[in-house]
């Protein structure tokens, strides 16, 4: 599988649960823009058949190598980022995992039951990244318990392993040179933006500015038959700036990413 076919398959699955992303892409194209993806992100469980370490070889097979590691203590997460070794224009990948053993025992027990259903050999090809749930649908009670302590855990239990978000590269847009211009367009079209820490996360001085929509809501039926609207996925926008040496910043910033995670909040 090539990176192109990988991201095409991801996009096709992602837009099924995130119609706003397709519509926003069309909005930019109507403005004469060609939308390029800065990065895509995934969520997973540690100590599982789909842990970060189990998934990483599939990224290696696509030509990607890790070049940064991050820790989000308040959200009980760790993450790594990856970039393609030869294609500088290929989207970057941000892969995070939940540190399950840091959550309350009630959450550990719920997640343990989910993990126990994942086949030991689940990771065979890059297609694992759009496999979605590899376990039975949780009950609404279990979902509520997870959501109380970890929005990330609740989202992952219901949505599974899939692209959590794609990201428009503002650097590759022609008519929109600033993130403020992009946000103004989105707000004028009625899209709700993530307000946590301010609409714009980061500054030109930090070399990375990011914003994101709030996740689309979908009607979800839990294992007990109860129904609820829950967050699916969202769309991000990134503007990268050159570092002091003149090279464009190509990594991520923990403070920004911590707030971007809240784009799937159900509050």
Protein backbone atom coordinates (compact mmCIF):
# COMPACT_ATOMS: atom_id res chain seq x y z
CA UNK A 1 0.00 0.00 0.00
CA UNK A 2 1.27 3.47 -0.88
CA UNK A 3 0.77 6.57 1.29
CA UNK A 4 -1.62 7.91 -1.37
CA UNK A 5 -3.91 4.87 -1.26
CA UNK A 6 -3.64 4.83 2.55
CA UNK A 7 -4.82 8.42 2.95
CA UNK A 8 -7.48 8.05 0.24
CA UNK A 9 -8.98 5.09 2.13
CA UNK A 10 -8.78 7.01 5.41
CA UNK A 11 -10.49 10.05 3.90
CA UNK A 12 -13.33 7.99 2.43
CA UNK A 13 -14.07 6.40 5.81
CA UNK A 14 -13.54 9.64 7.76
CA UNK A 15 -15.98 11.70 5.72
CA UNK A 16 -18.73 9.12 6.27
CA UNK A 17 -18.84 10.11 9.95
CA UNK A 18 -17.55 13.67 9.46
CA UNK A 19 -19.62 15.22 6.66
CA UNK A 20 -18.47 18.69 7.72
CA UNK A 21 -14.93 17.82 6.54
CA UNK A 22 -16.11 17.04 3.02
CA UNK A 23 -18.28 20.16 2.97
CA UNK A 24 -15.44 22.38 4.21
CA UNK A 25 -13.09 20.95 1.61
CA UNK A 26 -15.69 21.75 -1.04
CA UNK A 27 -15.99 25.26 0.41
CA UNK A 28 -12.28 25.87 -0.06
CA UNK A 29 -12.34 24.39 -3.56
CA UNK A 30 -15.17 26.77 -4.46
CA UNK A 31 -12.74 29.52 -3.47
CA UNK A 32 -10.28 28.16 -6.03
CA UNK A 33 -8.13 26.40 -3.45
CA UNK A 34 -6.48 22.98 -3.57
CA UNK A 35 -6.66 21.49 -0.09
CA UNK A 36 -3.63 19.55 1.14
CA UNK A 37 -3.55 17.58 4.38
CA UNK A 38 -1.01 18.66 7.01
CA UNK A 39 -1.52 15.65 9.25
CA UNK A 40 -3.96 13.01 10.41
CA UNK A 41 -4.41 11.74 13.97
CA UNK A 42 -5.45 8.48 15.63
CA UNK A 43 -6.38 7.36 19.14
CA UNK A 44 -5.78 3.96 20.70
CA UNK A 45 -5.35 2.01 23.98
CA UNK A 46 -1.98 1.12 25.49
CA UNK A 47 -1.25 -2.46 26.60
CA UNK A 48 -3.51 -3.79 23.85
CA UNK A 49 -3.16 -5.58 20.47
CA UNK A 50 -3.56 -2.13 18.88
CA UNK A 51 -1.13 -0.27 21.12
CA UNK A 52 1.15 2.38 19.69
CA UNK A 53 4.04 -0.10 19.54
CA UNK A 54 1.91 -2.64 17.65
CA UNK A 55 0.69 -0.05 15.14
CA UNK A 56 4.03 1.63 14.49
CA UNK A 57 5.44 -1.12 12.18
CA UNK A 58 2.54 -0.48 9.79
CA UNK A 59 3.60 3.15 9.56
CA UNK A 60 7.17 2.03 9.00
CA UNK A 61 5.92 -0.09 6.09
CA UNK A 62 4.38 3.05 4.55
CA UNK A 63 7.74 4.82 4.75
CA UNK A 64 7.12 6.73 7.99
CA UNK A 65 9.51 7.18 10.93
CA UNK A 66 8.90 8.58 14.42
CA UNK A 67 10.52 11.94 15.12
CA UNK A 68 8.86 13.23 18.28
CA UNK A 69 7.26 12.05 21.51
CA UNK A 70 4.75 13.81 23.76
CA UNK A 71 3.09 13.35 27.15
CA UNK A 72 -0.29 14.74 28.22
CA UNK A 73 -0.41 14.11 31.96
CA UNK A 74 -3.83 15.62 32.67
CA UNK A 75 -5.43 13.55 29.91
CA UNK A 76 -3.43 10.38 30.69
CA UNK A 77 -2.01 10.14 27.18
CA UNK A 78 1.26 9.73 25.39
CA UNK A 79 1.84 10.26 21.70
CA UNK A 80 4.34 10.09 18.88
CA UNK A 81 4.46 11.89 15.56
CA UNK A 82 5.70 10.49 12.28
CA UNK A 83 6.79 11.88 8.93
CA UNK A 84 7.59 10.24 5.63
CA UNK A 85 11.26 9.57 5.08
CA UNK A 86 11.39 10.66 1.42
CA UNK A 87 8.20 12.55 0.53
CA UNK A 88 8.31 15.92 2.35
CA UNK A 89 4.78 16.74 1.16
CA UNK A 90 3.23 13.56 2.56
CA UNK A 91 0.92 14.27 5.52
CA UNK A 92 2.38 13.79 8.97
CA UNK A 93 0.80 11.32 11.38
CA UNK A 94 0.01 11.89 15.07
CA UNK A 95 -0.63 8.71 17.03
CA UNK A 96 -1.72 8.89 20.67
CA UNK A 97 -2.67 6.21 23.17
CA UNK A 98 -4.55 6.18 26.44
CA UNK A 99 -2.57 5.19 29.55
CA UNK A 100 -5.38 3.01 30.82
CA UNK A 101 -3.74 2.09 34.14
CA UNK A 102 -3.83 5.77 35.19
CA UNK A 103 -7.64 5.88 35.12
CA UNK A 104 -9.95 4.88 38.00
CA UNK A 105 -10.51 1.16 38.52
CA UNK A 106 -14.07 1.39 37.15
CA UNK A 107 -12.73 2.70 33.84
CA UNK A 108 -9.92 0.15 33.74
CA UNK A 109 -12.44 -2.68 34.09
CA UNK A 110 -14.64 -1.34 31.26
CA UNK A 111 -11.69 -0.81 28.94
CA UNK A 112 -10.22 -4.17 29.91
CA UNK A 113 -13.37 -5.88 28.64
CA UNK A 114 -13.07 -4.01 25.33
CA UNK A 115 -9.39 -4.83 24.91
CA UNK A 116 -10.05 -8.51 25.68
CA UNK A 117 -12.21 -8.70 22.53
CA UNK A 118 -9.45 -7.47 20.19
CA UNK A 119 -7.80 -10.35 18.30
CA UNK A 120 -4.17 -10.77 19.32
CA UNK A 121 -3.15 -10.56 15.65
CA UNK A 122 -5.45 -7.64 14.79
CA UNK A 123 -2.60 -5.59 13.28
CA UNK A 124 -1.75 -7.16 9.94
CA UNK A 125 -1.92 -4.34 7.38
CA UNK A 126 -2.28 -0.54 7.34
CA UNK A 127 -6.03 -1.11 6.91
CA UNK A 128 -6.16 -1.50 10.70
CA UNK A 129 -6.21 2.31 10.85
CA UNK A 130 -9.79 2.40 9.58
CA UNK A 131 -11.01 -0.80 11.28
CA UNK A 132 -13.19 1.21 13.71
CA UNK A 133 -14.45 -0.79 16.72
CA UNK A 134 -12.75 -4.14 17.26
CA UNK A 135 -15.09 -4.86 20.18
CA UNK A 136 -18.80 -4.94 20.88
CA UNK A 137 -20.67 -1.68 21.31
CA UNK A 138 -20.52 -0.48 24.93
CA UNK A 139 -23.57 0.20 27.08
CA UNK A 140 -24.65 3.77 27.69
CA UNK A 141 -23.79 3.32 31.38
CA UNK A 142 -20.23 2.28 30.57
CA UNK A 143 -19.94 5.17 28.12
CA UNK A 144 -21.06 7.63 30.79
CA UNK A 145 -18.57 6.20 33.29
CA UNK A 146 -15.72 6.60 30.83
CA UNK A 147 -16.83 10.09 29.79
CA UNK A 148 -16.83 11.23 33.42
CA UNK A 149 -13.11 10.53 33.73
CA UNK A 150 -11.78 10.59 30.16
CA UNK A 151 -13.49 12.05 27.11
CA UNK A 152 -10.77 10.33 25.08
CA UNK A 153 -11.70 6.91 26.49
CA UNK A 154 -15.41 7.45 25.84
CA UNK A 155 -14.74 8.54 22.27
CA UNK A 156 -12.45 5.59 21.57
CA UNK A 157 -14.87 3.07 23.09
CA UNK A 158 -17.63 4.19 20.72
CA UNK A 159 -15.71 5.22 17.58
CA UNK A 160 -12.78 2.79 17.60
CA UNK A 161 -9.60 3.00 15.58
CA UNK A 162 -10.08 5.44 12.73
CA UNK A 163 -8.91 8.89 11.67
CA UNK A 164 -9.87 11.20 14.52
CA UNK A 165 -9.21 14.24 12.32
CA UNK A 166 -7.60 15.44 9.11
CA UNK A 167 -5.92 18.86 8.97
CA UNK A 168 -6.02 21.54 6.29
CA UNK A 169 -2.54 22.90 5.59
CA UNK A 170 -3.03 26.68 5.54
CA UNK A 171 0.53 27.02 4.21
CA UNK A 172 -0.64 25.49 0.93
CA UNK A 173 -3.68 27.74 0.50
CA UNK A 174 -3.39 30.67 -1.90
CA UNK A 175 -6.17 33.07 -0.90
CA UNK A 176 -6.02 32.44 2.85
CA UNK A 177 -2.62 33.25 4.27
CA UNK A 178 -3.55 33.49 7.95
CA UNK A 179 -5.42 31.26 10.34
CA UNK A 180 -7.68 34.20 11.28
CA UNK A 181 -8.88 34.39 7.67
CA UNK A 182 -9.62 30.66 7.66
CA UNK A 183 -11.50 30.86 10.95
CA UNK A 184 -13.51 33.86 9.72
CA UNK A 185 -14.60 31.89 6.64
CA UNK A 186 -15.64 28.90 8.75
CA UNK A 187 -17.58 31.00 11.25
CA UNK A 188 -19.32 32.87 8.46
CA UNK A 189 -20.56 29.50 7.22
CA UNK A 190 -21.88 28.58 10.66
CA UNK A 191 -19.22 26.08 11.77
CA UNK A 192 -18.61 25.87 15.52
CA UNK A 193 -14.93 26.16 16.42
CA UNK A 194 -13.13 24.74 19.44
CA UNK A 195 -12.92 27.60 21.96
CA UNK A 196 -10.75 25.84 24.58
CA UNK A 197 -7.72 28.02 25.22
CA UNK A 198 -8.94 30.44 22.55
CA UNK A 199 -9.98 29.75 18.97
CA UNK A 200 -6.33 29.89 17.84
CA UNK A 201 -3.98 27.57 19.67
CA UNK A 202 -0.35 28.69 19.44
CA UNK A 203 1.30 31.80 17.98
CA UNK A 204 3.67 32.67 15.13
CA UNK A 205 6.41 32.90 17.77
CA UNK A 206 5.80 29.26 18.72
CA UNK A 207 5.96 28.43 14.99
CA UNK A 208 2.60 26.65 14.92
CA UNK A 209 -0.95 27.99 14.95
CA UNK A 210 -3.91 25.61 15.02
CA UNK A 211 -7.68 25.76 15.19
CA UNK A 212 -10.38 23.15 14.76
CA UNK A 213 -14.09 22.64 14.42
CA UNK A 214 -16.08 20.89 17.09
CA UNK A 215 -16.75 17.30 16.15
CA UNK A 216 -19.83 16.34 14.19
CA UNK A 217 -22.52 14.65 16.30
CA UNK A 218 -23.96 11.31 15.28
CA UNK A 219 -26.95 9.29 16.52
CA UNK A 220 -25.49 6.34 18.40
CA UNK A 221 -27.27 3.22 19.63
CA UNK A 222 -25.63 1.58 22.63
CA UNK A 223 -25.59 -2.13 23.46
CA UNK A 224 -28.56 -1.73 25.80
CA UNK A 225 -30.66 -0.18 23.02
CA UNK A 226 -30.52 3.36 24.40
CA UNK A 227 -29.68 6.15 21.99
CA UNK A 228 -27.70 9.36 22.33
CA UNK A 229 -25.97 11.92 20.14
CA UNK A 230 -22.21 11.58 20.59
CA UNK A 231 -19.17 13.26 18.97
CA UNK A 232 -17.66 11.64 15.91
CA UNK A 233 -14.68 13.41 14.31
CA UNK A 234 -13.59 16.97 13.53
CA UNK A 235 -11.51 18.99 11.06
CA UNK A 236 -8.35 20.89 11.98
CA UNK A 237 -6.47 23.79 10.37
CA UNK A 238 -2.74 24.40 10.81
CA UNK A 239 -0.44 27.27 9.89
CA UNK A 240 3.26 26.51 10.26
CA UNK A 241 5.94 29.19 10.60
CA UNK A 242 9.71 29.11 10.06
CA UNK A 243 12.01 28.60 13.03
CA UNK A 244 14.96 30.90 13.74
CA UNK A 245 17.09 28.90 11.31
CA UNK A 246 14.58 29.58 8.53
CA UNK A 247 13.34 25.99 8.37
CA UNK A 248 9.58 25.48 8.58
CA UNK A 249 8.51 23.95 11.89
CA UNK A 250 7.27 20.42 11.21
CA UNK A 251 6.52 18.98 14.64
CA UNK A 252 3.76 19.51 17.21
CA UNK A 253 3.32 21.44 20.47
CA UNK A 254 1.91 19.71 23.54
CA UNK A 255 0.03 22.79 24.74
CA UNK A 256 -1.75 23.15 21.40
CA UNK A 257 -2.52 19.46 21.01
CA UNK A 258 -3.87 19.20 24.56
CA UNK A 259 -6.58 21.72 23.66
CA UNK A 260 -7.23 20.23 20.20
CA UNK A 261 -8.18 16.95 21.93
CA UNK A 262 -11.18 18.79 23.37
CA UNK A 263 -12.71 19.09 19.89
CA UNK A 264 -14.52 15.81 20.60
CA UNK A 265 -15.96 16.99 23.90
CA UNK A 266 -19.63 16.11 24.37
CA UNK A 267 -20.28 19.04 26.69
